[in-house]
């Protein structure tokens, strides 16, 4: 018996309306944190080095990047993070899909 892939598991789980609603609610935060991690790594920085640049503790960087974090970062924190690695933040709005 073969083990299901994550993709298969995700497709099956998202068929449940409650799971889909929760997934969609968390998707933006997950994408943001995933991008922060990718950009930091692309810049060749560890969480410790990023913390030093931002004059904070590694635990704060870890919390900021943690997809399971219950706190939402302030926009100014995200801007400082981006600036530290040579980026600026751009926000755009898109229409919601009709349900």
C-alpha atoms as a PDB file:
ATOM      1  CA  UNK A   1       0.000   0.000   0.000  1.00  0.00           C
ATOM      2  CA  UNK A   2       1.435   3.357  -1.014  1.00  0.00           C
ATOM      3  CA  UNK A   3       1.428   6.311   1.295  1.00  0.00           C
ATOM      4  CA  UNK A   4      -0.696   9.268   0.117  1.00  0.00           C
ATOM      5  CA  UNK A   5       1.181  12.391  -0.898  1.00  0.00           C
ATOM      6  CA  UNK A   6       0.671  15.703   0.844  1.00  0.00           C
ATOM      7  CA  UNK A   7      -1.002  16.994  -2.311  1.00  0.00           C
ATOM      8  CA  UNK A   8      -3.508  14.132  -2.218  1.00  0.00           C
ATOM      9  CA  UNK A   9      -4.158  14.698   1.484  1.00  0.00           C
ATOM     10  CA  UNK A  10      -4.684  18.427   0.918  1.00  0.00           C
ATOM     11  CA  UNK A  11      -7.143  17.863  -1.945  1.00  0.00           C
ATOM     12  CA  UNK A  12      -9.154  15.448   0.170  1.00  0.00           C
ATOM     13  CA  UNK A  13      -9.112  17.695   3.243  1.00  0.00           C
ATOM     14  CA  UNK A  14     -10.198  20.785   1.282  1.00  0.00           C
ATOM     15  CA  UNK A  15     -13.365  18.997   0.190  1.00  0.00           C
ATOM     16  CA  UNK A  16     -14.598  19.521   3.746  1.00  0.00           C
ATOM     17  CA  UNK A  17     -16.234  23.016   3.838  1.00  0.00           C
ATOM     18  CA  UNK A  18     -15.028  23.692   7.396  1.00  0.00           C
ATOM     19  CA  UNK A  19     -11.440  22.794   6.533  1.00  0.00           C
ATOM     20  CA  UNK A  20     -11.621  24.882   3.347  1.00  0.00           C
ATOM     21  CA  UNK A  21     -12.925  27.939   5.241  1.00  0.00           C
ATOM     22  CA  UNK A  22     -10.155  27.677   7.847  1.00  0.00           C
ATOM     23  CA  UNK A  23      -7.531  27.151   5.131  1.00  0.00           C
ATOM     24  CA  UNK A  24      -8.672  30.218   3.216  1.00  0.00           C
ATOM     25  CA  UNK A  25      -8.693  32.302   6.397  1.00  0.00           C
ATOM     26  CA  UNK A  26      -5.083  31.366   7.191  1.00  0.00           C
ATOM     27  CA  UNK A  27      -3.741  31.365   3.629  1.00  0.00           C
ATOM     28  CA  UNK A  28      -2.605  35.018   3.518  1.00  0.00           C
ATOM     29  CA  UNK A  29      -0.674  34.760   6.796  1.00  0.00           C
ATOM     30  CA  UNK A  30       0.932  31.508   5.648  1.00  0.00           C
ATOM     31  CA  UNK A  31       1.992  33.024   2.305  1.00  0.00           C
ATOM     32  CA  UNK A  32       3.446  36.087   4.033  1.00  0.00           C
ATOM     33  CA  UNK A  33       5.495  34.049   6.482  1.00  0.00           C
ATOM     34  CA  UNK A  34       6.674  31.667   3.769  1.00  0.00           C
ATOM     35  CA  UNK A  35       7.855  34.636   1.694  1.00  0.00           C
ATOM     36  CA  UNK A  36       9.637  36.251   4.663  1.00  0.00           C
ATOM     37  CA  UNK A  37      11.567  33.041   5.266  1.00  0.00           C
ATOM     38  CA  UNK A  38      12.459  32.669   1.580  1.00  0.00           C
ATOM     39  CA  UNK A  39      13.684  36.258   1.305  1.00  0.00           C
ATOM     40  CA  UNK A  40      15.766  35.999   4.487  1.00  0.00           C
ATOM     41  CA  UNK A  41      17.374  32.783   3.277  1.00  0.00           C
ATOM     42  CA  UNK A  42      17.947  34.285  -0.177  1.00  0.00           C
ATOM     43  CA  UNK A  43      19.789  37.126   1.572  1.00  0.00           C
ATOM     44  CA  UNK A  44      21.948  34.491   3.259  1.00  0.00           C
ATOM     45  CA  UNK A  45      20.845  35.423   6.772  1.00  0.00           C
ATOM     46  CA  UNK A  46      20.000  33.254   9.742  1.00  0.00           C
ATOM     47  CA  UNK A  47      17.267  34.195  12.179  1.00  0.00           C
ATOM     48  CA  UNK A  48      19.997  35.223  14.628  1.00  0.00           C
ATOM     49  CA  UNK A  49      21.601  37.537  12.072  1.00  0.00           C
ATOM     50  CA  UNK A  50      18.237  39.035  11.134  1.00  0.00           C
ATOM     51  CA  UNK A  51      17.489  39.651  14.810  1.00  0.00           C
ATOM     52  CA  UNK A  52      20.816  41.434  15.206  1.00  0.00           C
ATOM     53  CA  UNK A  53      20.121  43.686  12.206  1.00  0.00           C
ATOM     54  CA  UNK A  54      16.663  44.549  13.563  1.00  0.00           C
ATOM     55  CA  UNK A  55      17.916  45.011  17.136  1.00  0.00           C
ATOM     56  CA  UNK A  56      15.642  42.328  18.503  1.00  0.00           C
ATOM     57  CA  UNK A  57      15.822  38.754  19.741  1.00  0.00           C
ATOM     58  CA  UNK A  58      15.900  35.595  17.631  1.00  0.00           C
ATOM     59  CA  UNK A  59      12.674  34.468  19.314  1.00  0.00           C
ATOM     60  CA  UNK A  60      10.904  37.500  17.818  1.00  0.00           C
ATOM     61  CA  UNK A  61      12.094  36.602  14.321  1.00  0.00           C
ATOM     62  CA  UNK A  62      11.091  32.997  14.892  1.00  0.00           C
ATOM     63  CA  UNK A  63       7.614  34.074  16.019  1.00  0.00           C
ATOM     64  CA  UNK A  64       7.273  36.406  13.031  1.00  0.00           C
ATOM     65  CA  UNK A  65       8.137  33.589  10.615  1.00  0.00           C
ATOM     66  CA  UNK A  66       6.146  30.868  12.394  1.00  0.00           C
ATOM     67  CA  UNK A  67       3.050  29.859  10.415  1.00  0.00           C
ATOM     68  CA  UNK A  68       1.433  28.649  13.634  1.00  0.00           C
ATOM     69  CA  UNK A  69       1.833  31.990  15.402  1.00  0.00           C
ATOM     70  CA  UNK A  70      -1.422  33.349  16.779  1.00  0.00           C
ATOM     71  CA  UNK A  71      -0.240  36.959  16.587  1.00  0.00           C
ATOM     72  CA  UNK A  72      -0.318  39.100  13.475  1.00  0.00           C
ATOM     73  CA  UNK A  73       2.768  41.219  12.857  1.00  0.00           C
ATOM     74  CA  UNK A  74       2.406  44.972  12.600  1.00  0.00           C
ATOM     75  CA  UNK A  75       2.897  46.463   9.155  1.00  0.00           C
ATOM     76  CA  UNK A  76       5.868  48.471  10.461  1.00  0.00           C
ATOM     77  CA  UNK A  77       7.540  45.227  11.574  1.00  0.00           C
ATOM     78  CA  UNK A  78       7.099  43.707   8.124  1.00  0.00           C
ATOM     79  CA  UNK A  79       8.449  46.901   6.542  1.00  0.00           C
ATOM     80  CA  UNK A  80      11.530  46.858   8.808  1.00  0.00           C
ATOM     81  CA  UNK A  81      12.114  43.186   8.003  1.00  0.00           C
ATOM     82  CA  UNK A  82      11.843  43.840   4.263  1.00  0.00           C
ATOM     83  CA  UNK A  83      14.140  46.879   4.407  1.00  0.00           C
ATOM     84  CA  UNK A  84      16.776  44.865   6.281  1.00  0.00           C
ATOM     85  CA  UNK A  85      17.061  42.491   3.314  1.00  0.00           C
ATOM     86  CA  UNK A  86      16.847  45.122   0.591  1.00  0.00           C
ATOM     87  CA  UNK A  87      13.126  45.078  -0.170  1.00  0.00           C
ATOM     88  CA  UNK A  88      10.140  47.303   0.336  1.00  0.00           C
ATOM     89  CA  UNK A  89       6.575  46.202   0.966  1.00  0.00           C
ATOM     90  CA  UNK A  90       3.929  46.559  -1.711  1.00  0.00           C
ATOM     91  CA  UNK A  91       0.301  45.860  -0.881  1.00  0.00           C
ATOM     92  CA  UNK A  92      -2.357  45.249  -3.495  1.00  0.00           C
ATOM     93  CA  UNK A  93      -6.023  44.471  -3.296  1.00  0.00           C
ATOM     94  CA  UNK A  94      -7.897  42.044  -5.518  1.00  0.00           C
ATOM     95  CA  UNK A  95     -11.630  41.507  -5.799  1.00  0.00           C
ATOM     96  CA  UNK A  96     -13.036  38.551  -3.909  1.00  0.00           C
ATOM     97  CA  UNK A  97     -14.312  35.680  -5.968  1.00  0.00           C
ATOM     98  CA  UNK A  98     -18.091  35.373  -5.992  1.00  0.00           C
ATOM     99  CA  UNK A  99     -19.350  32.588  -3.755  1.00  0.00           C
END
